[in-house]
N, C-alpha and C. Protein backbone atom coordinates (compact mmCIF):
# COMPACT_ATOMS: atom_id res chain seq x y z
N MET A 1 -21.62 -142.44 113.77
CA MET A 1 -21.09 -141.12 113.77
C MET A 1 -21.09 -140.52 114.04
N LYS A 2 -21.66 -140.13 113.00
CA LYS A 2 -22.21 -138.23 113.07
C LYS A 2 -23.85 -138.40 113.53
N ASP A 3 -24.83 -138.82 113.97
CA ASP A 3 -25.89 -139.21 114.70
C ASP A 3 -25.59 -139.20 116.26
N ASP A 4 -24.52 -139.49 116.73
CA ASP A 4 -23.71 -139.71 118.03
C ASP A 4 -23.20 -138.42 118.16
N GLU A 5 -22.59 -137.85 117.01
CA GLU A 5 -21.88 -136.48 117.65
C GLU A 5 -23.08 -135.37 117.67
N SER A 6 -24.55 -135.50 116.38
CA SER A 6 -25.24 -134.39 116.72
C SER A 6 -26.44 -134.94 117.44
N LYS A 7 -26.37 -135.74 118.38
CA LYS A 7 -26.99 -135.90 119.62
C LYS A 7 -25.89 -135.21 120.65
N GLU A 8 -25.19 -135.39 120.62
CA GLU A 8 -24.20 -134.58 121.71
C GLU A 8 -24.53 -133.09 121.72
N SER A 9 -23.80 -132.59 120.22
CA SER A 9 -24.31 -131.54 119.93
C SER A 9 -25.63 -131.04 120.16
N LYS A 10 -26.82 -131.90 120.90
CA LYS A 10 -27.90 -130.94 120.52
C LYS A 10 -28.14 -130.62 122.44
N ARG A 11 -27.56 -132.26 122.59
CA ARG A 11 -27.47 -131.56 124.68
C ARG A 11 -26.37 -131.13 124.88
N GLU A 12 -25.33 -130.11 123.90
CA GLU A 12 -25.18 -129.30 124.79
C GLU A 12 -25.21 -128.10 124.48
N ILE A 13 -26.25 -127.64 123.38
CA ILE A 13 -27.09 -126.94 122.96
C ILE A 13 -27.62 -126.90 124.24
N ILE A 14 -28.90 -127.23 124.41
CA ILE A 14 -29.83 -128.10 125.42
C ILE A 14 -29.32 -127.41 127.44
N LEU A 15 -27.99 -128.01 127.28
CA LEU A 15 -27.27 -127.66 128.36
C LEU A 15 -26.84 -125.93 128.82
N HIS A 16 -26.69 -125.89 127.90
CA HIS A 16 -25.96 -124.41 127.70
C HIS A 16 -26.73 -123.14 128.16
N ALA A 17 -28.16 -123.55 127.14
CA ALA A 17 -28.79 -122.85 127.18
C ALA A 17 -29.96 -122.62 128.53
N ALA A 18 -29.31 -123.80 129.49
CA ALA A 18 -29.75 -124.21 130.55
C ALA A 18 -29.46 -123.39 132.06
N GLU A 19 -28.16 -123.11 131.53
CA GLU A 19 -27.23 -122.53 132.17
C GLU A 19 -27.92 -121.68 132.34
N LYS A 20 -28.07 -120.75 130.92
CA LYS A 20 -28.26 -119.07 131.14
C LYS A 20 -28.97 -118.69 131.43
N MET A 21 -30.69 -120.24 131.55
CA MET A 21 -31.13 -119.93 131.95
C MET A 21 -31.53 -120.29 133.40
N PHE A 22 -30.33 -120.14 133.87
CA PHE A 22 -30.38 -120.58 135.04
C PHE A 22 -29.65 -119.80 135.73
N ALA A 23 -28.88 -119.45 135.49
CA ALA A 23 -27.54 -118.06 135.50
C ALA A 23 -28.65 -117.08 136.85
N GLY A 24 -29.78 -116.18 135.74
CA GLY A 24 -29.86 -115.00 136.94
C GLY A 24 -31.44 -115.35 137.45
N ARG A 25 -31.96 -116.88 137.00
CA ARG A 25 -33.35 -116.98 138.22
C ARG A 25 -33.23 -118.08 138.93
N ARG A 26 -33.91 -118.65 139.92
CA ARG A 26 -33.83 -119.27 141.04
C ARG A 26 -34.37 -120.44 140.24
N PHE A 27 -33.85 -121.57 141.05
CA PHE A 27 -34.24 -123.19 139.93
C PHE A 27 -35.76 -122.41 140.05
N ASP A 28 -37.05 -122.96 140.45
CA ASP A 28 -38.76 -122.99 140.71
C ASP A 28 -39.05 -122.00 139.42
N GLU A 29 -38.01 -121.03 139.27
CA GLU A 29 -38.68 -120.06 137.90
C GLU A 29 -38.58 -120.34 137.18
N VAL A 30 -38.08 -121.28 136.63
CA VAL A 30 -37.49 -122.03 134.93
C VAL A 30 -38.04 -123.50 134.89
N LYS A 31 -39.28 -123.04 133.08
CA LYS A 31 -39.51 -123.66 132.97
C LYS A 31 -39.19 -124.58 132.01
N LEU A 32 -39.65 -125.71 131.98
CA LEU A 32 -38.79 -126.83 130.67
C LEU A 32 -39.36 -126.06 129.42
N ASP A 33 -40.25 -125.25 129.77
CA ASP A 33 -41.04 -124.82 127.76
C ASP A 33 -39.51 -123.78 127.74
N GLU A 34 -38.91 -122.67 128.51
CA GLU A 34 -38.14 -121.89 128.21
C GLU A 34 -37.36 -121.89 128.11
N ILE A 35 -36.25 -123.28 128.34
CA ILE A 35 -34.69 -123.75 128.60
C ILE A 35 -35.39 -124.37 127.04
N ALA A 36 -36.13 -125.59 126.97
CA ALA A 36 -36.76 -125.85 124.95
C ALA A 36 -36.27 -124.51 124.06
N ALA A 37 -36.73 -123.46 124.48
CA ALA A 37 -37.05 -122.31 123.62
C ALA A 37 -35.89 -121.58 123.35
N ALA A 38 -35.23 -121.88 123.98
CA ALA A 38 -33.84 -120.44 124.46
C ALA A 38 -32.41 -121.93 123.75
N ALA A 39 -32.52 -123.21 123.67
CA ALA A 39 -32.15 -124.34 122.50
C ALA A 39 -32.42 -124.30 121.51
N GLY A 40 -33.83 -123.96 121.48
CA GLY A 40 -34.11 -124.34 119.46
C GLY A 40 -34.97 -125.39 119.23
N VAL A 41 -35.29 -126.36 120.83
CA VAL A 41 -35.82 -127.25 120.43
C VAL A 41 -37.45 -127.53 121.16
N GLY A 42 -37.87 -128.03 120.31
CA GLY A 42 -39.29 -128.80 121.11
C GLY A 42 -38.80 -129.25 122.65
N LYS A 43 -39.77 -128.93 123.51
CA LYS A 43 -40.40 -129.39 125.01
C LYS A 43 -40.00 -130.79 125.01
N GLY A 44 -40.53 -131.85 123.73
CA GLY A 44 -40.83 -133.25 123.88
C GLY A 44 -38.94 -133.69 123.10
N THR A 45 -37.67 -133.17 123.20
CA THR A 45 -36.99 -133.20 122.82
C THR A 45 -36.07 -133.27 124.07
N LEU A 46 -36.71 -132.79 125.23
CA LEU A 46 -35.72 -132.36 126.27
C LEU A 46 -35.81 -133.70 126.58
N TYR A 47 -36.44 -134.82 126.95
CA TYR A 47 -36.70 -135.14 127.30
C TYR A 47 -36.08 -136.74 126.58
N LEU A 48 -35.51 -137.25 125.59
CA LEU A 48 -34.50 -137.16 124.73
C LEU A 48 -33.17 -137.88 125.65
N TYR A 49 -33.14 -136.18 126.19
CA TYR A 49 -31.87 -136.62 126.99
C TYR A 49 -32.04 -136.78 128.17
N PHE A 50 -33.31 -135.88 129.14
CA PHE A 50 -32.83 -135.42 130.52
C PHE A 50 -34.59 -136.00 130.75
N LYS A 51 -34.86 -136.75 132.80
CA LYS A 51 -35.80 -137.65 132.58
C LYS A 51 -36.82 -135.88 132.85
N ASN A 52 -36.38 -135.06 133.79
CA ASN A 52 -37.34 -134.55 133.77
C ASN A 52 -36.34 -133.45 133.98
N LYS A 53 -36.74 -131.76 134.83
CA LYS A 53 -35.95 -130.32 135.20
C LYS A 53 -34.33 -130.90 136.16
N GLU A 54 -34.70 -131.66 137.13
CA GLU A 54 -34.40 -131.71 138.34
C GLU A 54 -33.02 -133.01 137.78
N ASP A 55 -32.67 -133.44 136.83
CA ASP A 55 -32.31 -134.28 135.84
C ASP A 55 -31.19 -133.49 135.08
N LEU A 56 -32.15 -132.63 134.30
CA LEU A 56 -31.65 -131.16 132.95
C LEU A 56 -30.64 -130.37 133.99
N PHE A 57 -30.74 -129.82 135.79
CA PHE A 57 -30.14 -129.19 136.09
C PHE A 57 -28.44 -129.48 136.69
N ALA A 58 -28.96 -131.80 137.26
CA ALA A 58 -27.82 -131.97 137.60
C ALA A 58 -26.74 -131.95 136.26
N GLN A 59 -26.92 -132.80 135.55
CA GLN A 59 -26.43 -132.86 134.87
C GLN A 59 -25.88 -131.42 134.40
N MET A 60 -26.38 -130.37 133.65
CA MET A 60 -25.36 -129.66 134.44
C MET A 60 -24.58 -129.12 134.80
N ALA A 61 -25.27 -129.85 136.14
CA ALA A 61 -24.39 -128.92 137.34
C ALA A 61 -22.67 -129.97 137.48
N VAL A 62 -22.79 -131.01 136.98
CA VAL A 62 -21.34 -131.94 136.67
C VAL A 62 -20.87 -131.76 135.13
N GLU A 63 -21.75 -130.61 134.33
CA GLU A 63 -20.78 -130.98 133.38
C GLU A 63 -19.27 -130.11 133.38
N GLY A 64 -18.90 -131.10 133.37
CA GLY A 64 -16.82 -130.69 133.06
C GLY A 64 -16.65 -131.00 134.04
N LEU A 65 -17.41 -131.49 135.38
CA LEU A 65 -16.85 -131.96 136.49
C LEU A 65 -16.13 -133.44 136.11
N ASP A 66 -16.48 -134.49 135.75
CA ASP A 66 -15.77 -134.91 135.58
C ASP A 66 -14.52 -135.24 134.80
N GLU A 67 -14.79 -134.75 133.06
CA GLU A 67 -12.99 -134.28 132.58
C GLU A 67 -12.40 -133.36 133.31
N MET A 68 -12.43 -132.91 134.78
CA MET A 68 -11.50 -131.94 135.54
C MET A 68 -10.68 -133.08 136.73
N THR A 69 -11.80 -133.75 136.64
CA THR A 69 -11.13 -134.96 137.65
C THR A 69 -10.23 -135.92 136.70
N GLU A 70 -10.21 -136.05 135.47
CA GLU A 70 -9.17 -136.66 135.29
C GLU A 70 -7.94 -135.24 134.47
N ARG A 71 -8.14 -134.90 134.77
CA ARG A 71 -7.50 -134.34 134.57
C ARG A 71 -6.62 -133.36 135.50
N ILE A 72 -6.76 -133.35 136.68
CA ILE A 72 -6.59 -133.36 138.35
C ILE A 72 -5.16 -134.12 138.44
N ARG A 73 -5.96 -135.89 137.86
CA ARG A 73 -5.18 -137.15 137.91
C ARG A 73 -3.87 -136.71 136.43
N ALA A 74 -4.18 -136.96 135.94
CA ALA A 74 -3.74 -136.80 134.57
C ALA A 74 -2.03 -135.52 134.81
N ILE A 75 -2.28 -134.93 135.70
CA ILE A 75 -1.44 -133.15 136.22
C ILE A 75 -0.60 -134.69 137.18
N ALA A 76 -1.06 -134.75 138.15
CA ALA A 76 -0.44 -135.60 138.99
C ALA A 76 0.05 -136.91 138.60
N LEU A 77 0.29 -137.22 137.52
CA LEU A 77 1.21 -137.99 136.82
C LEU A 77 2.68 -137.25 136.11
N MET A 78 1.84 -136.30 136.17
CA MET A 78 2.93 -135.51 134.43
C MET A 78 4.41 -135.94 135.48
N LYS A 79 5.54 -135.44 134.78
CA LYS A 79 6.87 -135.74 134.57
C LYS A 79 7.72 -134.42 134.83
N LEU A 80 6.86 -134.13 136.56
CA LEU A 80 7.72 -132.72 136.58
C LEU A 80 7.99 -132.62 138.28
N PRO A 81 8.60 -131.08 138.62
CA PRO A 81 8.57 -131.22 139.43
C PRO A 81 7.44 -130.97 139.94
N PHE A 82 6.56 -131.43 141.38
CA PHE A 82 6.45 -131.15 142.04
C PHE A 82 5.28 -129.92 141.81
N GLN A 83 6.06 -128.83 142.32
CA GLN A 83 5.05 -127.43 142.06
C GLN A 83 4.89 -126.81 141.64
N GLU A 84 5.30 -127.21 140.15
CA GLU A 84 4.88 -127.40 138.61
C GLU A 84 3.16 -127.84 139.10
N ARG A 85 3.77 -128.86 138.95
CA ARG A 85 2.14 -129.91 138.90
C ARG A 85 1.44 -128.97 140.05
N LEU A 86 1.22 -128.59 141.42
CA LEU A 86 1.03 -127.69 142.20
C LEU A 86 0.09 -126.29 141.74
N PHE A 87 0.74 -125.45 141.14
CA PHE A 87 0.72 -124.57 140.55
C PHE A 87 0.07 -124.73 138.80
N LEU A 88 0.00 -125.53 138.28
CA LEU A 88 -0.74 -125.78 137.46
C LEU A 88 -2.37 -126.50 137.34
N PHE A 89 -2.45 -127.39 138.89
CA PHE A 89 -3.39 -127.45 139.05
C PHE A 89 -4.43 -126.36 139.97
N GLY A 90 -3.29 -125.51 140.67
CA GLY A 90 -4.48 -124.67 141.33
C GLY A 90 -4.72 -124.09 140.06
N ARG A 91 -4.00 -122.82 138.84
CA ARG A 91 -4.36 -122.66 137.80
C ARG A 91 -5.61 -123.46 136.79
N GLU A 92 -5.33 -124.45 137.01
CA GLU A 92 -6.28 -124.58 135.90
C GLU A 92 -8.11 -125.16 137.16
N PHE A 93 -8.15 -125.38 137.87
CA PHE A 93 -8.94 -125.65 138.46
C PHE A 93 -9.91 -124.70 138.72
N SER A 94 -8.86 -122.96 139.16
CA SER A 94 -9.39 -121.64 139.52
C SER A 94 -9.69 -121.11 137.81
N ALA A 95 -9.52 -121.51 137.39
CA ALA A 95 -9.89 -120.92 135.62
C ALA A 95 -11.14 -121.99 135.79
N PHE A 96 -11.73 -123.06 136.12
CA PHE A 96 -12.31 -124.28 135.66
C PHE A 96 -14.11 -123.70 136.70
N LEU A 97 -14.26 -123.32 138.20
CA LEU A 97 -14.19 -122.59 139.23
C LEU A 97 -14.34 -121.35 138.67
N ALA A 98 -13.95 -120.77 137.92
CA ALA A 98 -15.07 -119.52 137.10
C ALA A 98 -15.19 -119.16 136.72
N ARG A 99 -15.47 -120.34 135.42
CA ARG A 99 -16.07 -120.99 134.33
C ARG A 99 -17.61 -121.42 134.58
N ARG A 100 -17.70 -121.74 136.53
CA ARG A 100 -18.56 -122.67 136.69
C ARG A 100 -19.52 -121.57 138.22
N GLN A 101 -19.13 -120.68 138.04
CA GLN A 101 -19.73 -120.20 139.05
C GLN A 101 -21.38 -119.83 138.83
N GLY A 102 -22.14 -119.79 137.88
CA GLY A 102 -22.92 -118.98 137.66
C GLY A 102 -23.80 -120.12 138.05
N VAL A 103 -23.57 -121.39 137.61
CA VAL A 103 -24.03 -123.07 137.98
C VAL A 103 -23.51 -123.80 139.67
N MET A 104 -22.58 -122.32 140.16
CA MET A 104 -22.15 -122.26 142.04
C MET A 104 -23.24 -121.82 142.40
N ARG A 105 -23.23 -120.77 142.08
CA ARG A 105 -25.15 -119.92 142.69
C ARG A 105 -26.20 -120.65 143.23
N VAL A 106 -26.32 -120.90 141.53
CA VAL A 106 -28.28 -121.84 142.06
C VAL A 106 -28.13 -122.95 142.84
N MET A 107 -26.90 -123.89 142.38
CA MET A 107 -26.36 -124.54 143.17
C MET A 107 -26.32 -124.62 144.72
N ASN A 108 -26.07 -123.24 145.07
CA ASN A 108 -26.42 -123.14 146.22
C ASN A 108 -28.03 -122.66 147.41
N GLN A 109 -28.85 -122.34 146.62
CA GLN A 109 -29.85 -121.41 145.90
C GLN A 109 -30.72 -123.40 146.62
N VAL A 110 -30.71 -124.26 146.21
CA VAL A 110 -30.92 -125.05 145.75
C VAL A 110 -30.73 -126.26 145.60
N GLN A 111 -30.67 -127.32 145.71
CA GLN A 111 -30.14 -128.71 145.89
C GLN A 111 -31.35 -129.60 145.75
N PRO A 112 -32.25 -129.62 144.97
CA PRO A 112 -33.23 -131.20 145.09
C PRO A 112 -32.74 -132.31 145.13
N ALA A 113 -33.32 -133.39 146.38
CA ALA A 113 -32.10 -134.26 147.20
C ALA A 113 -31.65 -134.90 145.52
N PRO A 114 -32.38 -135.34 144.11
CA PRO A 114 -31.32 -136.24 143.48
C PRO A 114 -30.85 -135.34 142.93
N VAL A 115 -30.70 -134.43 142.42
CA VAL A 115 -29.51 -132.99 142.18
C VAL A 115 -27.66 -132.83 143.45
N SER A 116 -28.68 -133.22 144.04
CA SER A 116 -27.81 -133.39 145.58
C SER A 116 -26.74 -134.07 145.16
N LYS A 117 -27.61 -135.21 145.41
CA LYS A 117 -26.92 -137.00 145.31
C LYS A 117 -26.44 -136.85 143.93
N ILE A 118 -26.49 -137.21 143.29
CA ILE A 118 -25.78 -136.53 141.70
C ILE A 118 -24.41 -135.42 142.04
N PHE A 119 -25.05 -134.56 142.48
CA PHE A 119 -23.46 -133.95 142.55
C PHE A 119 -23.18 -134.28 143.73
N ARG A 120 -22.79 -134.68 144.50
CA ARG A 120 -21.77 -135.04 145.51
C ARG A 120 -21.02 -136.64 145.42
N ARG A 121 -22.12 -136.77 144.05
CA ARG A 121 -21.40 -138.56 143.92
C ARG A 121 -20.10 -137.04 143.67
N HIS A 122 -20.19 -136.44 142.20
CA HIS A 122 -19.26 -136.44 141.05
C HIS A 122 -18.39 -135.92 142.30
N LEU A 123 -18.48 -134.70 142.61
CA LEU A 123 -18.24 -134.15 143.72
C LEU A 123 -16.67 -135.36 144.03
N GLY A 124 -16.92 -136.06 145.37
CA GLY A 124 -16.95 -136.77 145.62
C GLY A 124 -15.29 -136.85 144.61
N ARG A 125 -15.92 -137.68 143.91
CA ARG A 125 -14.62 -137.73 142.55
C ARG A 125 -13.53 -136.87 143.24
N THR A 126 -13.83 -135.40 142.45
CA THR A 126 -12.89 -135.21 142.07
C THR A 126 -11.41 -134.20 143.39
N ILE A 127 -13.03 -134.31 144.54
CA ILE A 127 -12.18 -134.33 145.68
C ILE A 127 -11.18 -135.85 145.69
N GLN A 128 -11.27 -136.47 145.71
CA GLN A 128 -10.55 -137.61 145.70
C GLN A 128 -9.07 -137.99 144.79
N ALA A 129 -9.28 -136.88 143.36
CA ALA A 129 -8.55 -137.09 142.28
C ALA A 129 -7.29 -135.91 143.05
N VAL A 130 -7.08 -135.36 143.56
CA VAL A 130 -6.94 -133.43 144.78
C VAL A 130 -6.12 -133.98 145.48
N HIS A 131 -7.03 -135.51 146.50
CA HIS A 131 -6.27 -136.00 147.43
C HIS A 131 -5.68 -136.57 147.06
N ALA A 132 -5.62 -137.44 146.01
CA ALA A 132 -4.48 -137.73 145.04
C ALA A 132 -2.89 -137.06 145.01
N LEU A 133 -3.87 -136.12 144.23
CA LEU A 133 -2.42 -135.06 143.86
C LEU A 133 -1.95 -134.90 144.90
N LEU A 134 -2.58 -134.52 146.49
CA LEU A 134 -1.26 -134.02 146.87
C LEU A 134 -0.99 -134.99 147.76
N GLN A 135 -1.34 -136.44 148.01
CA GLN A 135 0.04 -137.18 149.05
C GLN A 135 0.00 -137.87 147.81
N LYS A 136 0.33 -137.34 146.63
CA LYS A 136 1.58 -138.06 145.63
C LYS A 136 2.85 -137.04 146.27
N GLY A 137 2.16 -135.58 146.26
CA GLY A 137 3.63 -134.36 147.15
C GLY A 137 3.95 -134.81 147.87
N MET A 138 3.26 -135.51 149.24
CA MET A 138 3.94 -136.17 149.97
C MET A 138 4.88 -137.33 150.30
N ASP A 139 4.04 -138.43 149.34
CA ASP A 139 4.82 -139.49 148.63
C ASP A 139 6.23 -139.18 148.38
N GLU A 140 5.97 -137.95 147.30
CA GLU A 140 7.26 -137.74 146.51
C GLU A 140 8.77 -137.38 147.45
N GLY A 141 8.01 -136.48 149.37
CA GLY A 141 8.82 -135.60 150.09
C GLY A 141 8.38 -133.76 149.41
N ALA A 142 7.88 -134.34 148.55
CA ALA A 142 7.78 -132.16 148.64
C ALA A 142 6.74 -131.55 149.19
N LEU A 143 5.85 -132.18 150.16
CA LEU A 143 5.14 -131.55 151.05
C LEU A 143 4.96 -132.79 152.79
N ARG A 144 5.32 -131.58 153.64
CA ARG A 144 5.22 -131.34 154.79
C ARG A 144 4.22 -132.99 154.76
N ARG A 145 5.15 -133.50 156.26
CA ARG A 145 4.13 -134.67 156.37
C ARG A 145 2.96 -134.54 158.05
N ASP A 146 3.10 -133.28 159.03
CA ASP A 146 2.76 -132.87 160.11
C ASP A 146 1.25 -132.66 160.00
N PHE A 147 0.81 -133.04 158.49
CA PHE A 147 -0.40 -131.90 158.57
C PHE A 147 -1.31 -132.99 157.64
N SER A 148 -2.59 -133.21 157.68
CA SER A 148 -2.91 -134.47 156.96
C SER A 148 -2.90 -133.94 156.03
N VAL A 149 -3.57 -134.63 154.21
CA VAL A 149 -3.29 -134.73 153.53
C VAL A 149 -4.33 -134.06 152.97
N SER A 150 -6.06 -133.58 154.00
CA SER A 150 -7.12 -133.00 154.55
C SER A 150 -7.45 -132.02 154.47
N GLU A 151 -6.04 -131.63 155.75
CA GLU A 151 -5.98 -130.18 155.68
C GLU A 151 -4.83 -129.36 154.79
N LEU A 152 -4.34 -130.66 153.79
CA LEU A 152 -3.30 -129.25 152.61
C LEU A 152 -4.84 -129.62 152.15
N ARG A 153 -5.45 -130.36 151.19
CA ARG A 153 -6.54 -129.71 150.61
C ARG A 153 -7.34 -129.65 150.74
N CYS A 154 -8.16 -128.87 152.36
CA CYS A 154 -8.78 -127.37 152.54
C CYS A 154 -7.81 -126.30 152.69
N VAL A 155 -6.92 -126.71 153.24
CA VAL A 155 -6.07 -125.36 152.76
C VAL A 155 -5.62 -124.60 151.65
N LEU A 156 -5.87 -125.07 150.36
CA LEU A 156 -4.97 -125.55 149.38
C LEU A 156 -6.81 -125.15 148.40
N VAL A 157 -7.38 -125.57 148.29
CA VAL A 157 -8.54 -126.15 147.79
C VAL A 157 -9.29 -124.48 149.10
N GLY A 158 -9.32 -124.61 149.49
CA GLY A 158 -10.62 -123.22 150.24
C GLY A 158 -10.42 -121.86 149.92
N PRO A 159 -9.29 -121.23 149.63
CA PRO A 159 -8.68 -120.03 149.23
C PRO A 159 -8.80 -119.97 147.60
N ILE A 160 -8.71 -120.63 147.02
CA ILE A 160 -9.00 -120.59 145.45
C ILE A 160 -10.60 -120.91 145.45
N LEU A 161 -11.32 -121.52 145.96
CA LEU A 161 -12.46 -121.03 145.47
C LEU A 161 -13.07 -119.54 146.25
N LEU A 162 -12.86 -118.72 147.49
CA LEU A 162 -12.75 -117.69 148.31
C LEU A 162 -12.73 -117.30 147.15
N LYS A 163 -10.93 -117.00 145.93
CA LYS A 163 -10.64 -116.01 144.96
C LYS A 163 -11.82 -115.97 143.62
N VAL A 164 -12.46 -116.88 144.19
CA VAL A 164 -13.47 -116.76 142.50
C VAL A 164 -14.76 -115.77 143.11
N ARG A 165 -15.12 -117.32 144.13
CA ARG A 165 -16.04 -116.06 144.91
C ARG A 165 -16.35 -114.49 144.54
N ARG A 166 -15.28 -114.37 145.23
CA ARG A 166 -14.89 -112.28 145.96
C ARG A 166 -14.58 -111.76 144.12
N GLU A 167 -13.99 -112.48 143.15
CA GLU A 167 -13.49 -111.54 141.47
C GLU A 167 -14.84 -112.01 140.81
N THR A 168 -15.69 -112.47 140.81
CA THR A 168 -16.52 -112.75 140.45
C THR A 168 -18.32 -112.21 141.20
N HIS A 169 -18.41 -112.51 142.42
CA HIS A 169 -19.51 -110.81 142.82
C HIS A 169 -19.01 -110.23 143.29
N GLU A 170 -17.98 -109.99 143.88
CA GLU A 170 -17.14 -108.02 144.28
C GLU A 170 -15.93 -107.72 143.95
N GLY A 171 -15.98 -108.58 142.08
CA GLY A 171 -14.81 -107.61 141.45
C GLY A 171 -13.50 -106.69 141.96
N GLU A 172 -13.55 -107.68 143.40
CA GLU A 172 -12.17 -107.58 143.79
C GLU A 172 -11.45 -108.90 143.14
N VAL A 173 -9.75 -108.07 142.42
CA VAL A 173 -8.28 -109.03 142.25
C VAL A 173 -8.22 -109.80 143.13
N ILE A 174 -7.97 -110.94 143.16
CA ILE A 174 -6.21 -111.35 144.05
C ILE A 174 -5.59 -112.03 142.76
N ASP A 175 -4.79 -112.32 143.12
CA ASP A 175 -3.44 -112.61 142.38
C ASP A 175 -3.56 -114.68 142.73
N LEU A 176 -3.54 -115.27 141.91
CA LEU A 176 -3.99 -116.64 142.12
C LEU A 176 -1.96 -116.49 142.25
N ASN A 177 -0.78 -116.18 141.77
CA ASN A 177 0.16 -116.90 141.93
C ASN A 177 0.63 -116.82 143.46
N ALA A 178 0.22 -115.57 144.64
CA ALA A 178 0.32 -115.34 145.42
C ALA A 178 -0.38 -116.04 146.52
N LEU A 179 -1.41 -116.48 146.24
CA LEU A 179 -2.33 -117.90 146.87
C LEU A 179 -1.36 -119.40 147.55
N LEU A 180 -0.68 -119.50 145.84
CA LEU A 180 -0.17 -120.66 145.96
C LEU A 180 1.17 -120.25 146.45
N ASN A 181 1.76 -119.38 145.57
CA ASN A 181 3.19 -119.47 147.02
C ASN A 181 2.55 -119.70 148.99
N PHE A 182 1.64 -118.42 148.72
CA PHE A 182 1.39 -118.33 150.11
C PHE A 182 1.59 -119.94 150.39
N PHE A 183 0.41 -121.26 149.88
CA PHE A 183 0.35 -122.09 150.27
C PHE A 183 2.24 -122.90 150.45
N TRP A 184 2.22 -122.73 149.16
CA TRP A 184 4.02 -123.31 149.02
C TRP A 184 4.89 -123.18 149.79
N ALA A 185 4.46 -122.02 150.69
CA ALA A 185 5.72 -121.25 151.59
C ALA A 185 5.07 -122.36 152.59
N GLY A 186 4.25 -122.90 153.02
CA GLY A 186 4.00 -123.04 154.54
C GLY A 186 3.43 -125.02 154.92
N ALA A 187 2.93 -125.38 153.34
CA ALA A 187 2.81 -126.66 153.31
C ALA A 187 4.90 -127.43 152.69
N ALA A 188 5.42 -126.96 151.95
CA ALA A 188 6.08 -127.49 151.67
C ALA A 188 7.31 -128.30 151.34
N GLU A 189 7.95 -129.20 151.73
CA GLU A 189 9.38 -129.53 153.21
C GLU A 189 9.85 -129.08 152.65
N LYS A 190 10.86 -128.79 154.05
CA LYS A 190 11.59 -128.06 153.41
C LYS A 190 13.26 -129.00 153.75
N LYS A 191 14.10 -128.53 152.90
CA LYS A 191 14.93 -128.82 152.63
C LYS A 191 16.11 -129.25 153.93
N LYS A 192 17.03 -130.22 154.04
CA LYS A 192 17.70 -129.46 155.25
C LYS A 192 18.97 -129.69 154.57
């Protein structure tokens, strides 16, 4: 077990070093030698964990996405009123995106085909989890049915993405609870 933990720890160190390197530079400017040096490992060690720079970048890009997906699924199943689950999702998703802004910036700059394919697959799972959360809200009668789940997802997730980008890049402070309350005011099923 110790050996597996050591391997995972070394992989995490490499991914963290890569994220720092890619955060301030373009994809083509970062060399594997630099990542290895920043991680305190030999270049050959990188190849024990990653096939090439594109694979390393892809693994870095999806790091934490599967865990976020599982967290969204867990939130959907909680025994809380739907509004509380929705707001919990909003807070956790916003925090996740804020932590991943450096990676997202680089993803917007360059998307080599293998990276893009892996990222889309993992992101697709996350989108499905958000879809399922909102569908659960509809099924429970908490959300309006005159909108599609896809429309609700766009109206919920879009402002969260914009909030994180504006705060990260412009320093503009946007109240997440205000956004979530605004969504709830328009999306909640009105009780008769």
